[in-house]
Protein backbone atom coordinates (compact mmCIF):
# COMPACT_ATOMS: atom_id res chain seq x y z
CA MET A 1 -0.15 -0.09 0.40
CA GLY A 2 2.64 2.61 -0.10
CA ASP A 3 4.27 4.76 2.98
CA PRO A 4 0.45 5.71 4.73
CA ARG A 5 1.89 9.36 6.23
CA GLN A 6 1.67 10.21 2.45
CA HIS A 7 -1.98 10.14 3.90
CA THR A 8 -1.26 12.54 6.76
CA ALA A 9 -4.30 15.39 7.09
CA GLU A 10 -2.46 19.17 7.23
CA LEU A 11 -4.37 20.76 10.33
CA THR A 12 -4.59 24.43 11.70
CA GLN A 13 -3.94 25.41 15.11
CA ALA A 14 -6.72 27.79 15.32
CA ALA A 15 -9.55 28.02 18.23
CA LEU A 16 -12.58 26.12 17.93
CA PRO A 17 -16.11 27.24 19.03
CA PRO A 18 -17.94 24.57 21.44
CA LEU A 19 -19.34 21.46 19.18
CA ASP A 20 -23.29 22.55 19.63
CA SER A 21 -22.77 26.50 18.36
CA LEU A 22 -21.32 25.51 15.05
CA PRO A 23 -23.97 25.58 12.39
CA ARG A 24 -25.31 22.75 10.66
CA MET A 25 -22.57 21.45 7.49
CA SER A 26 -21.85 19.17 5.21
CA GLU A 27 -19.90 15.65 6.21
CA GLY A 28 -16.90 16.93 4.52
CA ARG A 29 -16.39 20.51 6.58
CA ARG A 30 -17.64 18.71 9.56
CA ARG A 31 -15.36 15.59 9.40
CA ALA A 32 -13.22 18.68 9.17
CA GLY A 33 -13.91 20.75 11.87
CA ALA A 34 -13.32 17.27 14.17
CA ARG A 35 -10.16 16.98 13.14
CA GLU A 36 -8.72 20.36 14.32
CA ARG A 37 -11.44 19.82 17.18
CA PHE A 38 -8.94 16.63 18.20
CA PHE A 39 -5.49 18.38 16.98
CA ALA A 40 -6.35 21.72 19.53
CA GLY A 41 -7.29 18.44 22.20
CA ALA A 42 -4.20 16.61 21.95
CA GLU A 43 -1.87 20.07 22.07
CA ALA A 44 -3.50 21.54 25.18
CA LEU A 45 -1.99 18.05 26.28
CA GLY A 46 0.91 18.53 24.96
CA LEU A 47 1.25 16.36 22.34
CA THR A 48 1.51 16.73 18.58
CA PRO A 49 0.44 13.76 16.70
CA GLU A 50 0.94 13.12 13.36
CA ILE A 51 -2.60 12.59 11.95
CA LEU A 52 -2.88 9.95 8.58
CA ARG A 53 -6.31 10.26 6.46
CA PHE A 54 -7.38 7.58 4.80
CA PRO A 55 -10.76 7.92 1.96
CA GLU A 56 -11.17 4.45 2.13
CA GLY A 57 -11.66 4.47 5.91
CA THR A 58 -10.60 3.24 9.82
CA ARG A 59 -13.94 3.12 10.81
CA THR A 60 -13.06 -0.51 12.36
CA ALA A 61 -10.37 -1.76 14.30
CA GLU A 62 -9.80 -4.61 10.97
CA GLN A 63 -9.86 -1.48 8.57
CA ALA A 64 -7.39 0.77 10.81
CA ALA A 65 -4.86 -1.99 10.99
CA ALA A 66 -4.59 -2.90 7.22
CA ALA A 67 -4.63 0.91 6.45
CA VAL A 68 -1.46 1.35 8.44
CA GLY A 69 -0.11 -1.98 8.93
CA CYS A 70 -0.07 -2.71 12.34
CA GLU A 71 -1.25 -5.54 14.68
CA LEU A 72 -4.63 -5.87 14.92
CA GLY A 73 -3.92 -5.78 18.75
CA GLN A 74 -2.70 -2.23 18.09
CA ILE A 75 -5.65 -0.71 17.36
CA VAL A 76 -7.44 1.41 20.53
CA LYS A 77 -10.84 1.24 20.38
CA SER A 78 -12.51 4.15 22.48
CA LEU A 79 -15.81 2.95 22.54
CA VAL A 80 -18.64 4.75 24.90
CA PHE A 81 -20.85 3.01 27.02
CA LEU A 82 -23.37 4.07 30.00
CA CYS A 83 -22.67 3.35 33.55
CA GLY A 84 -25.94 4.00 35.66
CA GLY A 85 -26.50 6.26 33.02
CA GLU A 86 -23.33 7.91 33.34
CA PRO A 87 -21.05 7.80 30.33
CA VAL A 88 -17.70 6.11 30.73
CA LEU A 89 -14.65 5.81 27.85
CA ALA A 90 -12.85 2.01 27.34
CA LEU A 91 -10.07 2.17 25.60
CA THR A 92 -9.64 -0.99 24.17
CA SER A 93 -7.33 -3.51 21.71
CA GLY A 94 -8.62 -3.72 18.54
CA ALA A 95 -8.36 -7.66 19.26
CA ASN A 96 -10.30 -8.02 22.57
CA ARG A 97 -13.86 -7.46 23.14
CA VAL A 98 -15.38 -5.70 26.11
CA ASP A 99 -17.00 -7.98 29.20
CA THR A 100 -19.68 -5.94 30.19
CA THR A 101 -20.21 -7.43 33.41
CA ARG A 102 -16.43 -6.79 33.82
CA LEU A 103 -16.55 -3.56 33.39
CA GLY A 104 -19.63 -3.28 35.58
CA ASP A 105 -17.83 -4.68 38.17
CA LEU A 106 -14.41 -2.61 37.73
CA LEU A 107 -16.72 0.18 37.47
CA GLY A 108 -19.59 0.12 40.23
CA GLY A 109 -23.11 -0.05 38.17
CA ALA A 110 -24.99 -1.61 35.84
CA ILE A 111 -23.48 -0.95 31.42
CA SER A 112 -25.06 -0.47 28.90
CA ARG A 113 -23.68 0.36 24.58
CA ALA A 114 -24.33 4.53 24.18
CA ASP A 115 -26.26 4.90 20.57
CA ALA A 116 -24.52 6.62 18.25
CA ASP A 117 -26.51 10.25 19.84
CA GLY A 118 -25.36 9.34 22.97
CA VAL A 119 -21.37 9.12 22.02
CA ARG A 120 -21.83 12.11 20.15
CA GLU A 121 -23.28 13.95 22.96
CA ALA A 122 -20.49 12.75 25.59
CA THR A 123 -18.00 13.10 23.57
CA GLY A 124 -18.18 15.39 20.44
CA TYR A 125 -17.03 12.65 17.85
CA ALA A 126 -19.17 10.64 15.77
CA ILE A 127 -18.82 6.51 16.22
CA GLY A 128 -15.88 5.22 14.42
CA GLY A 129 -13.76 8.72 14.72
CA THR A 130 -13.92 8.61 18.54
CA PRO A 131 -10.57 9.81 19.90
CA PRO A 132 -9.41 8.53 23.13
CA PHE A 133 -8.92 12.01 24.92
CA GLY A 134 -10.28 15.43 23.98
CA HIS A 135 -13.99 14.58 23.98
CA ALA A 136 -16.36 17.67 25.20
CA ARG A 137 -16.59 16.98 28.73
CA PRO A 138 -13.92 14.90 30.63
CA LEU A 139 -15.23 11.15 30.93
CA ARG A 140 -13.87 8.15 33.59
CA THR A 141 -12.10 5.90 30.90
CA VAL A 142 -10.29 2.69 31.56
CA VAL A 143 -7.31 0.91 29.06
CA ASP A 144 -7.34 -2.49 28.47
CA ARG A 145 -4.10 -3.30 30.04
CA ALA A 146 -3.56 -5.55 26.91
CA LEU A 147 -2.88 -2.39 24.69
CA LEU A 148 0.18 -1.41 27.54
CA ALA A 149 2.29 -4.67 25.74
CA TYR A 150 3.39 -2.27 22.90
CA ASP A 151 5.27 -0.26 22.09
CA SER A 152 3.32 2.12 20.36
CA VAL A 153 -0.65 2.23 19.24
CA TRP A 154 -3.01 3.89 17.08
CA ALA A 155 -6.15 5.55 17.78
CA ALA A 156 -9.29 7.41 15.77
CA ALA A 157 -8.33 11.00 15.32
CA GLY A 158 -11.37 12.77 15.29
CA THR A 159 -13.09 10.98 12.17
CA PRO A 160 -13.68 7.97 10.61
CA ASP A 161 -10.59 7.65 7.91
CA THR A 162 -8.30 9.32 10.75
CA VAL A 163 -5.72 7.99 12.93
CA PHE A 164 -2.38 9.16 14.39
CA GLU A 165 -0.08 7.27 16.53
CA LEU A 166 0.77 6.84 20.52
CA THR A 167 3.13 5.01 23.01
CA PRO A 168 0.28 3.36 25.65
CA ASP A 169 1.79 5.75 28.22
CA GLU A 170 1.02 8.57 26.51
CA LEU A 171 -2.81 7.61 26.38
CA VAL A 172 -2.79 6.47 29.63
CA GLN A 173 -1.69 9.75 30.37
CA ALA A 174 -3.78 11.91 28.22
CA SER A 175 -6.62 10.14 28.89
CA GLY A 176 -6.19 9.37 32.28
CA ALA A 177 -7.63 6.41 32.53
CA GLU A 178 -6.67 3.15 34.86
CA ALA A 179 -5.66 0.41 33.26
CA ALA A 180 -7.79 -2.60 34.22
CA ASP A 181 -8.75 -6.29 33.23
CA PHE A 182 -12.24 -5.48 31.75
CA ALA A 183 -11.36 -7.48 28.17
CA ALA A 184 -13.98 -10.68 26.83
CA ASP A 185 -12.13 -14.11 27.72
């Protein structure tokens, strides 16, 4: 496929308004805004990620791993659940599924999956493009210990066609995540 870095998105560092104040816009403009919001959020945390864009999409862990040429387990799935009605974020290895009973025991409540509107409301991003940090509001976050075994991992950068690489330490620090075992056996 060639070097994925040829698809790097060029982003500005402009200050962006809150998501709910944005006028309705085309899908292309909304995606550009989401990438810019993500980049601004990353910079606020001291990160300057190299964002790679793949027009064919990186919505699923399998698509993302194929696009960047890494192991499926190196993909960070940013999954939003509800725990007692409150949104929580489970950063899960692309090779794993979440055991909602384990997650509920860990977080202390009944777990259900957030719908697309709930994900966007909690994070400011669409399913398939939700990054591990830089959300519309603070979220309690846990990270799958399996991700910590890699030298680097890849996560969504605000849209279903962008990703970025970071170390597991950067992932934990930037997301404020607690490392935990919540993957299904």
